[in-house]
Structure formats: C-alpha cells, structure tokens
Amino acid sequence: MMKPFMKPSTLVLLGLAVGVQCPANEALDILEGNKKVEEVELPPLPEGTEEESADTPPVFVEPEWAPSPLDPIWSRAILFEDNDNPWLQQLAIMGLYQWGGSWGTAEVEGARNVKLDTTRTRRARLGARMKIFGNTEIEAVGEFAGDARYQRLERLKGKTRVLPNHYVEYGKFRPRFGIEGSKDPALLLTPETSLLTNMLMPPSTLGVAFSQDCAPWDWSIGWFSNDTDRYIPGFEGDGFIAANVAYESAERLDDNSVMRTRWHLDYIYNLDGNSSSAIPRYRPGGMMAANGPQRVPMYRSFRHMVSTGVELEGERFAFEGDFMLANGDLNVWGMTLTPSYWVLPGTLRVVGRYHYADTDDPGGLVGGMGIGSDPYFDSSPLFVGDEYHSFYLGANLHLYQDKVVVLNGIEYAIMKDEAGAGFTTDGWIWHSGARVSF
C-alpha cells in the first residue's frame, strides 16, 4: 500500500514552519514577501536533539492509500462491526474475481509448435469472515472457477488467540511455504505463480498449526493431512509437518526513509512419501507432453521441501527473493527474484520477475505456459524438461488500492529437455488480466 499522493498548499506549510520557528513579525514579513526565508535566523535545536534522533530505532510504517470515492462502496463488504459486542465483533463478505488471458506460441525444437492463446476466469471466490468472542476469526471461502475438479471449498478455518501473541489455526487451509505460495492471490504481483511454486505448494487440506508473533521473530509449526478432498478432507495417511520461522527488521536509508526486511525459512516433511496425495498436488502421469512425442513422467512425490529468502519493502521499491529445494522420488531446486517499483505511487507499479528451476531427472520439471501454467488448475498443455527459465516484465495499474488491478506484461520462457527426449521449447507470451477483490 502507498501513502496518499497529495501536496498541501505551500502557503500553509510555510506558515506552519515559520510560525513555530521564528517570531510572529518575521513570519508576517515572509508571508507578505518583504523578507526571504533564508534571511531568517532560526533558533538552535534543543541540546541533544540530533543525538536522540540518531539513536531512535527506525520503524517501518505501512503506507496508506489515498482516500477514494470508492471507499464507501467497498466498506459495504463489512455487514456488521461492533468491537464492544462480547459475542460478535464483525461479519463481512469476502470475494475475489480474476480474469486472465495469454497470447503466444511455444516453439518446440524438432516438433510441432503449440499455440498458447487462451482467455479464462482464473479465480472466482466468494466467502465470509466472522470475528467472535474477542479472540477468534473464522473464514469460509469457496472456489467456483475452473472445471469440476478445481471447484472446491478453498478455505474453512478458524484462528484463535490463546495467549498474548500466541495463536492456533485449525480447519481446512494451506500451509505457508515460499513467498508466492504464502501470499493471498489478490496480492500477487504477477498474473501467475512460478513453475516451482505450482509444483511444490500443497493444496488446502485439513490441518492445525500453532504460532507465535513476538517481534522481531515469528514462528509456526503444524500438521496437515495428505487428503485432497475438494470439500472436507479426512485424516488420510500420516500427513505432513510444516514449520516456519521468520525475522523482520527495519533500516533507515540515506534519504531518511525506512526499509523493511523480512527473512524466512519454511520446511515441509512429508510423512507419507510417494503415497501422498497432496505433495505434489497434481497427478499428470501418463499424459502426453506438449513438447514432442513423450509422456509426462508417472506420479512422483517429495519427502523434504525447503524455502528460504528475503523480502524488502520501502516507500517505492520492493524486492522478493526466494530459493526452493525439494527431494524425494526426484530432486528439484530453483529461485525466484521479483523486484517492483511504484512509478506513480498508489497507481502504477512496474514488476519484474526471473524464475529458474532445475533437476537432474529426465522430465522432472512439469508445468504449463501462459494463463494455464498451474497444472492443478489446467493440465493441458503440459511441458516437461530438466531446466527452466522465465523472464517477466509487466505493469500493474491500481484503479482502487489492491482491490481493483489491471495487469499487463510480457514473458519469455524456455524449457530445456537435455536429459529427456531433447525437445527444447521456448516462446514469447503476452499476459493481460484484471482482478477485483473485497
């Protein structure tokens, strides 16, 4: 979020500054144009002021959006709010609609090219949020986009504060893993998540997690089922353990602004190995790959998964860097680098992303290109290989905060297949999309 981009009148600023720092008659002379500001001798600062300011720890303050005529409309999503009510403090509706399109051609070396032109509703979610008893928040969200396999109860979870800064989450929800995978889709900077995030991120499933948030550290540990039922999962198998730890700090820059830095380490241990239905969350084995006459390798799972990286956020510039590693039936690793910059604060944001993924196993990397790059959402067409690079550059137009955003960008992707059948694939892809959330 960005600070309101508004400039108070020069006269008011001048009057306030001069009225505080110099006698009234000199202030009047300046306002009437009889004396210049630089001719006024200001009183010295109180003794010790500079030292106290230098010793004050920097604090990153989340920027605020400028007031908008749409504020009253979006505020209607909150149906009821009364913090003094001992039973129900808030009742609100939640929603996300995301439309996307991609246009391009995947050129396959030694085989037929693949058209990537497609438009579709990528996400269509509707739900409700309720705050009760002064310490509990309950969310229920359904997903209505995609085919019958993808439509589901996306989230049904509760979060209760059991002690100051100590929480327990329970129900159906996604564990935290990686920067992209842990982010709300309504806040993603790019139209689609990266190939490794799509391969490794578990789906929403039954789980319970305990967490503590005591700045500058926060951590959580939880257990999740390996059942991937679209509605209410059961206790299938031994499940998997998800653990997270993060450290956040703030640093004052040369221009006196403050930069927030957050480092994280996420780990998942899959107790069920290759019998898990959640890791990975899709089973494309046996399908024909789009890049050449070869089949997508049969279902293979991961035992250990690690993600570590850093997030930087300033007034205009932000950066996300994430490294991921997974091993089990095959080993994969890679990184995602995502810088962004507000060209017009609060309105136009330029976003770049470089994603790299690698494996030593033939056809170990599996993913799509374009708007259907997540195999869990759309399994056709799928490309396989052992090395992947993606370069994305786009611009996000924020028509209303993060709630109404238009995304446009261009991507160059290349999937190498040197360990497999040898069908290297590359292509230029244009992305366009829009999302509305409340």
Protein backbone atom coordinates (compact mmCIF):
# COMPACT_ATOMS: atom_id res chain seq x y z
CA MET A 1 0.00 0.00 0.00
CA MET A 2 1.13 3.51 -0.75
CA LYS A 3 0.97 6.87 1.01
CA PRO A 4 -1.66 9.35 -0.17
CA PHE A 5 -0.17 11.25 -3.08
CA MET A 6 -1.38 14.74 -2.04
CA LYS A 7 0.54 18.03 -1.63
CA PRO A 8 -0.71 20.60 0.94
CA SER A 9 -0.51 24.21 -0.22
CA THR A 10 2.86 25.85 0.02
CA LEU A 11 1.35 28.74 1.94
CA VAL A 12 0.06 26.52 4.74
CA LEU A 13 3.34 24.66 5.06
CA LEU A 14 5.30 27.89 5.11
CA GLY A 15 3.03 29.46 7.66
CA LEU A 16 3.28 26.44 9.97
CA ALA A 17 7.03 26.18 9.68
CA VAL A 18 7.70 29.86 10.17
CA GLY A 19 5.08 30.32 12.89
CA VAL A 20 6.76 27.65 15.00
CA GLN A 21 10.38 28.51 14.37
CA CYS A 22 10.54 32.36 14.32
CA PRO A 23 8.83 35.42 15.84
CA ALA A 24 5.42 36.48 14.54
CA ASN A 25 6.61 39.72 12.90
CA GLU A 26 9.24 37.86 10.86
CA ALA A 27 6.64 35.30 9.83
CA LEU A 28 4.38 38.13 8.61
CA ASP A 29 7.23 39.72 6.64
CA ILE A 30 7.89 36.42 4.87
CA LEU A 31 4.24 35.83 4.02
CA GLU A 32 3.94 39.41 2.63
CA GLY A 33 7.09 38.98 0.55
CA ASN A 34 9.14 41.59 2.44
CA LYS A 35 11.72 39.08 3.61
CA LYS A 36 13.12 35.80 2.26
CA VAL A 37 13.03 32.59 4.26
CA GLU A 38 16.80 32.20 4.10
CA GLU A 39 17.24 35.63 5.73
CA VAL A 40 15.57 34.47 8.92
CA GLU A 41 17.89 33.13 11.61
CA LEU A 42 16.20 30.13 13.18
CA PRO A 43 16.79 29.29 16.85
CA PRO A 44 19.11 26.34 17.51
CA LEU A 45 17.63 22.93 18.09
CA PRO A 46 17.38 21.84 21.72
CA GLU A 47 20.57 20.27 23.00
CA GLY A 48 20.78 16.54 22.34
CA THR A 49 18.03 16.51 19.69
CA GLU A 50 20.27 15.21 16.88
CA GLU A 51 21.77 12.50 19.07
CA GLU A 52 18.35 11.36 20.25
CA SER A 53 17.06 11.24 16.66
CA ALA A 54 20.06 9.21 15.51
CA ASP A 55 19.62 6.73 18.38
CA THR A 56 15.89 6.26 17.78
CA PRO A 57 15.31 2.79 16.26
CA PRO A 58 13.80 3.03 12.76
CA VAL A 59 10.22 1.81 12.46
CA PHE A 60 8.65 0.87 9.13
CA VAL A 61 5.15 2.33 8.88
CA GLU A 62 2.89 0.63 6.36
CA PRO A 63 1.92 3.30 3.79
CA GLU A 64 -1.74 4.18 3.50
CA TRP A 65 -3.89 4.53 0.40
CA ALA A 66 -5.23 7.94 -0.55
CA PRO A 67 -8.97 8.45 0.10
CA SER A 68 -11.13 7.41 -2.86
CA PRO A 69 -14.78 7.84 -3.90
CA LEU A 70 -14.93 4.03 -3.96
CA ASP A 71 -14.23 3.73 -0.22
CA PRO A 72 -17.93 3.79 0.78
CA ILE A 73 -18.71 1.05 -1.76
CA TRP A 74 -16.00 -1.31 -0.55
CA SER A 75 -16.86 -0.61 3.08
CA ARG A 76 -20.24 -2.26 2.49
CA ALA A 77 -18.45 -5.63 2.47
CA ILE A 78 -18.49 -5.29 6.27
CA LEU A 79 -22.08 -6.19 7.18
CA PHE A 80 -21.71 -5.74 10.92
CA GLU A 81 -19.00 -4.34 13.19
CA ASP A 82 -19.10 -3.64 16.91
CA ASN A 83 -15.89 -4.14 18.88
CA ASP A 84 -17.77 -3.73 22.16
CA ASN A 85 -20.08 -6.67 21.44
CA PRO A 86 -18.84 -9.61 23.57
CA TRP A 87 -20.13 -12.27 21.13
CA LEU A 88 -19.85 -10.98 17.55
CA GLN A 89 -17.38 -8.22 16.66
CA GLN A 90 -17.51 -8.36 12.86
CA LEU A 91 -19.32 -10.07 10.00
CA ALA A 92 -18.08 -9.44 6.45
CA ILE A 93 -18.24 -10.95 2.99
CA MET A 94 -15.08 -11.78 1.02
CA GLY A 95 -14.57 -12.23 -2.70
CA LEU A 96 -12.02 -12.42 -5.50
CA TYR A 97 -12.62 -12.47 -9.25
CA GLN A 98 -9.60 -12.80 -11.55
CA TRP A 99 -9.76 -12.93 -15.32
CA GLY A 100 -6.69 -13.62 -17.41
CA GLY A 101 -5.53 -14.08 -20.96
CA SER A 102 -2.28 -15.08 -22.65
CA TRP A 103 -1.22 -14.93 -26.27
CA GLY A 104 1.86 -16.53 -27.78
CA THR A 105 3.42 -19.60 -29.36
CA ALA A 106 5.64 -22.22 -27.76
CA GLU A 107 8.20 -23.15 -30.39
CA VAL A 108 9.27 -26.77 -29.94
CA GLU A 109 12.62 -27.75 -31.39
CA GLY A 110 12.13 -30.66 -33.78
CA ALA A 111 8.37 -30.91 -33.24
CA ARG A 112 5.11 -29.07 -33.81
CA ASN A 113 4.67 -25.64 -32.21
CA VAL A 114 1.98 -25.13 -29.56
CA LYS A 115 -0.44 -22.19 -29.55
CA LEU A 116 -0.84 -20.60 -26.12
CA ASP A 117 -3.71 -18.22 -26.94
CA THR A 118 -6.39 -18.52 -24.28
CA THR A 119 -8.63 -16.45 -22.01
CA ARG A 120 -10.48 -17.66 -18.95
CA THR A 121 -11.70 -16.95 -15.44
CA ARG A 122 -8.68 -17.86 -13.35
CA ARG A 123 -10.22 -17.44 -9.89
CA ALA A 124 -13.76 -16.80 -8.69
CA ARG A 125 -14.03 -16.94 -4.92
CA LEU A 126 -16.77 -15.93 -2.54
CA GLY A 127 -16.94 -16.34 1.21
CA ALA A 128 -17.45 -14.76 4.61
CA ARG A 129 -15.39 -13.72 7.60
CA MET A 130 -16.56 -13.58 11.20
CA LYS A 131 -14.82 -12.27 14.35
CA ILE A 132 -16.23 -13.67 17.57
CA PHE A 133 -15.54 -13.76 21.33
CA GLY A 134 -12.84 -11.09 21.01
CA ASN A 135 -10.15 -13.64 20.16
CA THR A 136 -11.33 -15.78 17.21
CA GLU A 137 -11.63 -15.22 13.48
CA ILE A 138 -13.43 -17.70 11.19
CA GLU A 139 -13.21 -17.72 7.37
CA ALA A 140 -15.11 -19.77 4.78
CA VAL A 141 -14.31 -19.33 1.06
CA GLY A 142 -15.47 -21.30 -1.97
CA GLU A 143 -13.77 -21.53 -5.39
CA PHE A 144 -16.10 -21.50 -8.42
CA ALA A 145 -13.63 -21.14 -11.32
CA GLY A 146 -12.19 -23.90 -13.49
CA ASP A 147 -13.57 -27.34 -14.19
CA ALA A 148 -15.39 -29.60 -11.73
CA ARG A 149 -12.08 -30.94 -10.42
CA TYR A 150 -10.84 -27.48 -9.48
CA GLN A 151 -14.06 -26.08 -7.99
CA ARG A 152 -13.99 -26.65 -4.26
CA LEU A 153 -14.20 -25.35 -0.74
CA GLU A 154 -10.98 -23.38 -0.80
CA ARG A 155 -10.81 -22.48 2.88
CA LEU A 156 -12.73 -23.17 6.08
CA LYS A 157 -10.56 -22.25 9.03
CA GLY A 158 -10.54 -20.65 12.44
CA LYS A 159 -7.77 -18.73 14.17
CA THR A 160 -7.89 -18.23 17.95
CA ARG A 161 -5.60 -16.18 20.17
CA VAL A 162 -4.94 -18.43 23.16
CA LEU A 163 -2.34 -16.19 24.84
CA PRO A 164 -0.94 -12.74 24.01
CA ASN A 165 0.84 -13.17 20.63
CA HIS A 166 0.12 -16.94 20.64
CA TYR A 167 -2.36 -18.42 18.15
CA VAL A 168 -3.80 -21.71 16.97
CA GLU A 169 -5.21 -22.22 13.43
CA TYR A 170 -7.45 -25.16 12.57
CA GLY A 171 -9.65 -26.39 9.75
CA LYS A 172 -9.05 -26.53 6.01
CA PHE A 173 -6.34 -24.13 4.82
CA ARG A 174 -2.99 -24.00 3.05
CA PRO A 175 0.29 -24.19 4.95
CA ARG A 176 2.80 -21.40 4.47
CA PHE A 177 5.55 -22.30 2.02
CA GLY A 178 7.55 -19.81 -0.04
CA ILE A 179 6.78 -16.16 -0.69
CA GLU A 180 4.45 -16.70 -3.65
CA GLY A 181 2.71 -19.70 -2.15
CA SER A 182 2.06 -17.96 1.17
CA LYS A 183 0.66 -14.80 -0.41
CA ASP A 184 -3.04 -14.12 -0.88
CA PRO A 185 -3.79 -14.44 -4.65
CA ALA A 186 -5.41 -10.99 -4.50
CA LEU A 187 -1.95 -9.53 -3.70
CA LEU A 188 0.18 -11.37 -6.28
CA LEU A 189 2.38 -9.06 -8.37
CA THR A 190 2.31 -11.31 -11.46
CA PRO A 191 -0.60 -12.94 -13.33
CA GLU A 192 0.59 -16.44 -12.40
CA THR A 193 2.83 -18.04 -9.80
CA SER A 194 6.14 -19.59 -10.87
CA LEU A 195 6.70 -23.16 -12.04
CA LEU A 196 8.32 -24.41 -8.81
CA THR A 197 5.61 -22.84 -6.64
CA ASN A 198 3.00 -24.66 -8.75
CA MET A 199 4.93 -27.93 -8.42
CA LEU A 200 5.64 -27.80 -4.68
CA MET A 201 2.89 -25.83 -2.96
CA PRO A 202 0.44 -28.19 -1.20
CA PRO A 203 -3.30 -27.57 -1.62
CA SER A 204 -5.76 -26.57 1.08
CA THR A 205 -6.26 -29.52 3.39
CA LEU A 206 -7.18 -30.39 6.95
CA GLY A 207 -4.65 -29.12 9.47
CA VAL A 208 -3.80 -27.49 12.78
CA ALA A 209 -0.94 -25.05 13.39
CA PHE A 210 0.44 -23.25 16.43
CA SER A 211 2.20 -19.90 16.02
CA GLN A 212 3.77 -17.05 17.96
CA ASP A 213 4.34 -13.48 16.77
CA CYS A 214 6.79 -11.67 19.06
CA ALA A 215 8.68 -9.06 17.02
CA PRO A 216 11.20 -9.30 15.53
CA TRP A 217 10.71 -13.09 15.39
CA ASP A 218 7.67 -15.13 14.44
CA TRP A 219 7.28 -18.88 14.01
CA SER A 220 4.70 -21.59 13.44
CA ILE A 221 4.52 -25.38 13.33
CA GLY A 222 1.62 -27.52 12.20
CA TRP A 223 0.36 -30.88 10.99
CA PHE A 224 -1.65 -31.34 7.78
CA SER A 225 -3.49 -34.25 6.20
CA ASN A 226 -2.48 -35.67 2.84
CA ASP A 227 -6.12 -35.90 1.79
CA THR A 228 -7.06 -33.54 -1.07
CA ASP A 229 -10.84 -33.83 -0.97
CA ARG A 230 -12.45 -30.84 -2.73
CA TYR A 231 -14.75 -30.19 0.21
CA ILE A 232 -13.90 -31.58 3.66
CA PRO A 233 -10.65 -33.61 3.76
CA GLY A 234 -10.21 -36.53 6.10
CA PHE A 235 -7.27 -37.87 8.09
CA GLU A 236 -5.55 -39.66 5.21
CA GLY A 237 -2.18 -41.27 5.91
CA ASP A 238 0.33 -39.80 8.35
CA GLY A 239 0.16 -36.35 6.70
CA PHE A 240 2.97 -33.81 6.61
CA ILE A 241 4.64 -31.38 9.03
CA ALA A 242 5.06 -27.71 8.10
CA ALA A 243 7.38 -25.43 10.10
CA ASN A 244 8.15 -21.73 9.56
CA VAL A 245 10.41 -19.16 11.17
CA ALA A 246 10.97 -15.53 10.15
CA TYR A 247 12.89 -12.46 11.32
CA GLU A 248 11.87 -8.89 10.49
CA SER A 249 13.88 -5.69 10.88
CA ALA A 250 13.87 -2.07 9.69
CA GLU A 251 16.74 0.09 8.43
CA ARG A 252 16.94 3.82 7.89
CA LEU A 253 18.23 4.74 4.42
CA ASP A 254 20.30 7.73 3.32
CA ASP A 255 17.17 9.68 2.31
CA ASN A 256 15.79 9.15 5.84
CA SER A 257 13.14 6.70 4.61
CA VAL A 258 12.81 3.27 6.23
CA MET A 259 13.24 -0.11 4.52
CA ARG A 260 11.56 -3.21 5.96
CA THR A 261 13.49 -6.50 5.67
CA ARG A 262 11.96 -9.92 6.34
CA TRP A 263 13.85 -13.20 6.16
CA HIS A 264 12.03 -16.55 6.25
CA LEU A 265 12.77 -20.26 6.39
CA ASP A 266 9.98 -22.75 5.58
CA TYR A 267 10.26 -26.55 5.82
CA ILE A 268 7.82 -29.35 4.99
CA TYR A 269 8.38 -33.01 5.83
CA ASN A 270 6.09 -35.45 4.02
CA LEU A 271 5.50 -38.43 6.31
CA ASP A 272 3.75 -40.47 3.60
CA GLY A 273 6.37 -40.20 0.84
CA ASN A 274 5.12 -41.22 -2.59
CA SER A 275 1.73 -42.31 -1.22
CA SER A 276 0.84 -38.68 -0.52
CA SER A 277 -2.00 -37.08 -2.50
CA ALA A 278 -1.01 -33.54 -1.51
CA ILE A 279 2.71 -33.37 -2.34
CA PRO A 280 2.69 -32.70 -5.22
CA ARG A 281 -0.96 -31.67 -5.51
CA TYR A 282 -1.50 -32.94 -9.09
CA ARG A 283 -1.05 -36.31 -10.81
CA PRO A 284 -0.23 -35.78 -14.50
CA GLY A 285 1.45 -39.14 -15.04
CA GLY A 286 0.76 -40.85 -18.36
CA MET A 287 -0.33 -37.74 -20.28
CA MET A 288 1.41 -36.80 -23.49
CA ALA A 289 3.72 -33.81 -23.11
CA ALA A 290 3.17 -30.83 -25.39
CA ASN A 291 6.86 -30.60 -26.30
CA GLY A 292 7.45 -33.61 -28.50
CA PRO A 293 6.27 -37.25 -28.57
CA GLN A 294 6.98 -38.07 -24.93
CA ARG A 295 4.85 -38.78 -21.90
CA VAL A 296 4.74 -36.82 -18.68
CA PRO A 297 6.58 -38.96 -16.10
CA MET A 298 4.39 -41.01 -13.81
CA TYR A 299 3.42 -39.56 -10.45
CA ARG A 300 6.43 -38.82 -8.25
CA SER A 301 6.47 -37.25 -4.80
CA PHE A 302 8.73 -35.25 -2.49
CA ARG A 303 9.83 -36.11 1.04
CA HIS A 304 11.59 -32.88 2.08
CA MET A 305 10.89 -29.33 0.86
CA VAL A 306 12.71 -26.14 1.89
CA SER A 307 12.15 -22.49 1.04
CA THR A 308 14.25 -19.58 2.25
CA GLY A 309 14.51 -15.99 1.09
CA VAL A 310 14.15 -12.32 1.85
CA GLU A 311 11.60 -9.57 1.27
CA LEU A 312 12.49 -5.87 1.11
CA GLU A 313 9.91 -3.08 1.15
CA GLY A 314 10.43 0.67 1.03
CA GLU A 315 8.27 3.61 0.08
CA ARG A 316 8.56 2.88 -3.66
CA PHE A 317 10.90 -0.06 -4.19
CA ALA A 318 10.26 -3.65 -3.12
CA PHE A 319 12.05 -6.94 -3.74
CA GLU A 320 11.23 -10.61 -3.16
CA GLY A 321 13.91 -13.29 -3.43
CA ASP A 322 13.14 -16.95 -2.75
CA PHE A 323 15.15 -20.16 -3.09
CA MET A 324 13.37 -23.55 -3.05
CA LEU A 325 14.65 -27.11 -2.85
CA ALA A 326 12.77 -30.42 -2.78
CA ASN A 327 13.87 -34.05 -2.83
CA GLY A 328 12.21 -37.44 -2.77
CA ASP A 329 11.46 -39.52 -5.84
CA LEU A 330 13.30 -36.76 -7.70
CA ASN A 331 15.28 -33.65 -6.76
CA VAL A 332 14.34 -30.15 -7.94
CA TRP A 333 15.62 -26.72 -6.99
CA GLY A 334 15.39 -23.14 -8.18
CA MET A 335 14.90 -19.49 -7.30
CA THR A 336 12.55 -16.58 -7.95
CA LEU A 337 13.63 -12.91 -7.98
CA THR A 338 10.85 -10.30 -8.10
CA PRO A 339 11.68 -6.57 -7.95
CA SER A 340 8.97 -3.91 -8.23
CA TYR A 341 8.81 -0.12 -8.27
CA TRP A 342 5.97 2.40 -7.94
CA VAL A 343 6.34 4.72 -10.94
CA LEU A 344 3.19 6.58 -9.89
CA PRO A 345 2.75 5.92 -6.15
CA GLY A 346 -0.51 4.17 -5.47
CA THR A 347 -1.42 3.93 -9.18
CA LEU A 348 1.21 2.38 -11.48
CA ARG A 349 3.67 -0.28 -10.41
CA VAL A 350 6.34 -1.86 -12.63
CA VAL A 351 7.07 -5.51 -11.84
CA GLY A 352 9.85 -7.81 -12.99
CA ARG A 353 10.42 -11.48 -12.26
CA TYR A 354 13.13 -14.00 -13.07
CA HIS A 355 12.43 -17.64 -12.28
CA TYR A 356 14.87 -20.53 -12.58
CA ALA A 357 14.23 -24.23 -11.95
CA ASP A 358 16.49 -27.26 -12.43
CA THR A 359 16.66 -31.01 -11.90
CA ASP A 360 18.90 -33.92 -12.81
CA ASP A 361 15.94 -36.17 -13.60
CA PRO A 362 14.60 -36.51 -17.18
CA GLY A 363 11.27 -34.73 -17.39
CA GLY A 364 11.46 -33.84 -13.70
CA LEU A 365 10.06 -30.35 -14.26
CA VAL A 366 6.39 -30.25 -15.24
CA GLY A 367 4.33 -27.14 -15.92
CA GLY A 368 2.33 -25.12 -18.37
CA MET A 369 2.90 -21.80 -20.07
CA GLY A 370 0.62 -18.80 -20.19
CA ILE A 371 -2.54 -18.41 -18.15
CA GLY A 372 -2.78 -22.16 -17.60
CA SER A 373 0.70 -22.60 -16.13
CA ASP A 374 -0.61 -24.23 -12.93
CA PRO A 375 -1.28 -27.93 -13.66
CA TYR A 376 -3.62 -28.10 -10.67
CA PHE A 377 -5.86 -25.56 -12.43
CA ASP A 378 -5.34 -26.70 -16.03
CA SER A 379 -3.42 -29.81 -17.09
CA SER A 380 -3.27 -29.01 -20.81
CA PRO A 381 -0.88 -28.37 -22.41
CA LEU A 382 1.93 -29.58 -20.16
CA PHE A 383 5.62 -29.20 -20.92
CA VAL A 384 8.36 -31.29 -19.35
CA GLY A 385 12.11 -30.78 -19.08
CA ASP A 386 15.12 -30.57 -16.79
CA GLU A 387 15.88 -26.82 -16.85
CA TYR A 388 13.52 -23.85 -16.96
CA HIS A 389 13.98 -20.07 -17.25
CA SER A 390 11.30 -17.38 -17.23
CA PHE A 391 11.76 -13.62 -17.66
CA TYR A 392 8.72 -11.42 -16.99
CA LEU A 393 8.27 -7.64 -17.18
CA GLY A 394 4.92 -6.01 -16.59
CA ALA A 395 2.97 -3.05 -15.25
CA ASN A 396 0.11 -3.16 -12.75
CA LEU A 397 -2.48 -0.38 -12.88
CA HIS A 398 -4.18 0.02 -9.49
CA LEU A 399 -7.58 1.54 -10.13
CA TYR A 400 -8.54 1.14 -6.49
CA GLN A 401 -5.90 0.17 -3.95
CA ASP A 402 -5.07 -3.55 -4.28
CA LYS A 403 -8.77 -4.24 -4.79
CA VAL A 404 -9.12 -3.37 -8.49
CA VAL A 405 -5.96 -4.03 -10.51
CA VAL A 406 -5.24 -4.41 -14.23
CA LEU A 407 -2.12 -6.49 -15.01
CA ASN A 408 -0.24 -6.48 -18.32
CA GLY A 409 3.16 -7.89 -19.12
CA ILE A 410 5.37 -9.89 -21.43
CA GLU A 411 7.21 -13.11 -20.62
CA TYR A 412 9.94 -15.10 -22.31
CA ALA A 413 10.07 -18.74 -21.16
CA ILE A 414 12.39 -21.57 -22.12
CA MET A 415 12.14 -25.22 -21.11
CA LYS A 416 15.23 -27.31 -21.83
CA ASP A 417 14.93 -31.08 -22.07
CA GLU A 418 18.52 -32.24 -22.49
CA ALA A 419 18.20 -35.21 -20.10
CA GLY A 420 14.96 -36.39 -21.70
CA ALA A 421 13.85 -36.62 -25.30
CA GLY A 422 15.70 -33.42 -26.21
CA PHE A 423 12.77 -31.23 -27.22
CA THR A 424 13.78 -27.75 -26.05
CA THR A 425 10.87 -25.29 -26.03
CA ASP A 426 10.78 -21.51 -25.86
CA GLY A 427 8.31 -18.74 -26.55
CA TRP A 428 7.22 -15.14 -26.05
CA ILE A 429 3.94 -14.76 -24.16
CA TRP A 430 1.82 -11.64 -23.67
CA HIS A 431 -0.24 -11.57 -20.47
CA SER A 432 -3.31 -9.43 -19.76
CA GLY A 433 -5.65 -9.71 -16.84
CA ALA A 434 -7.67 -7.99 -14.17
CA ARG A 435 -8.81 -8.83 -10.67
CA VAL A 436 -11.37 -7.44 -8.25
CA SER A 437 -11.36 -8.34 -4.56
CA PHE A 438 -13.17 -7.27 -1.42
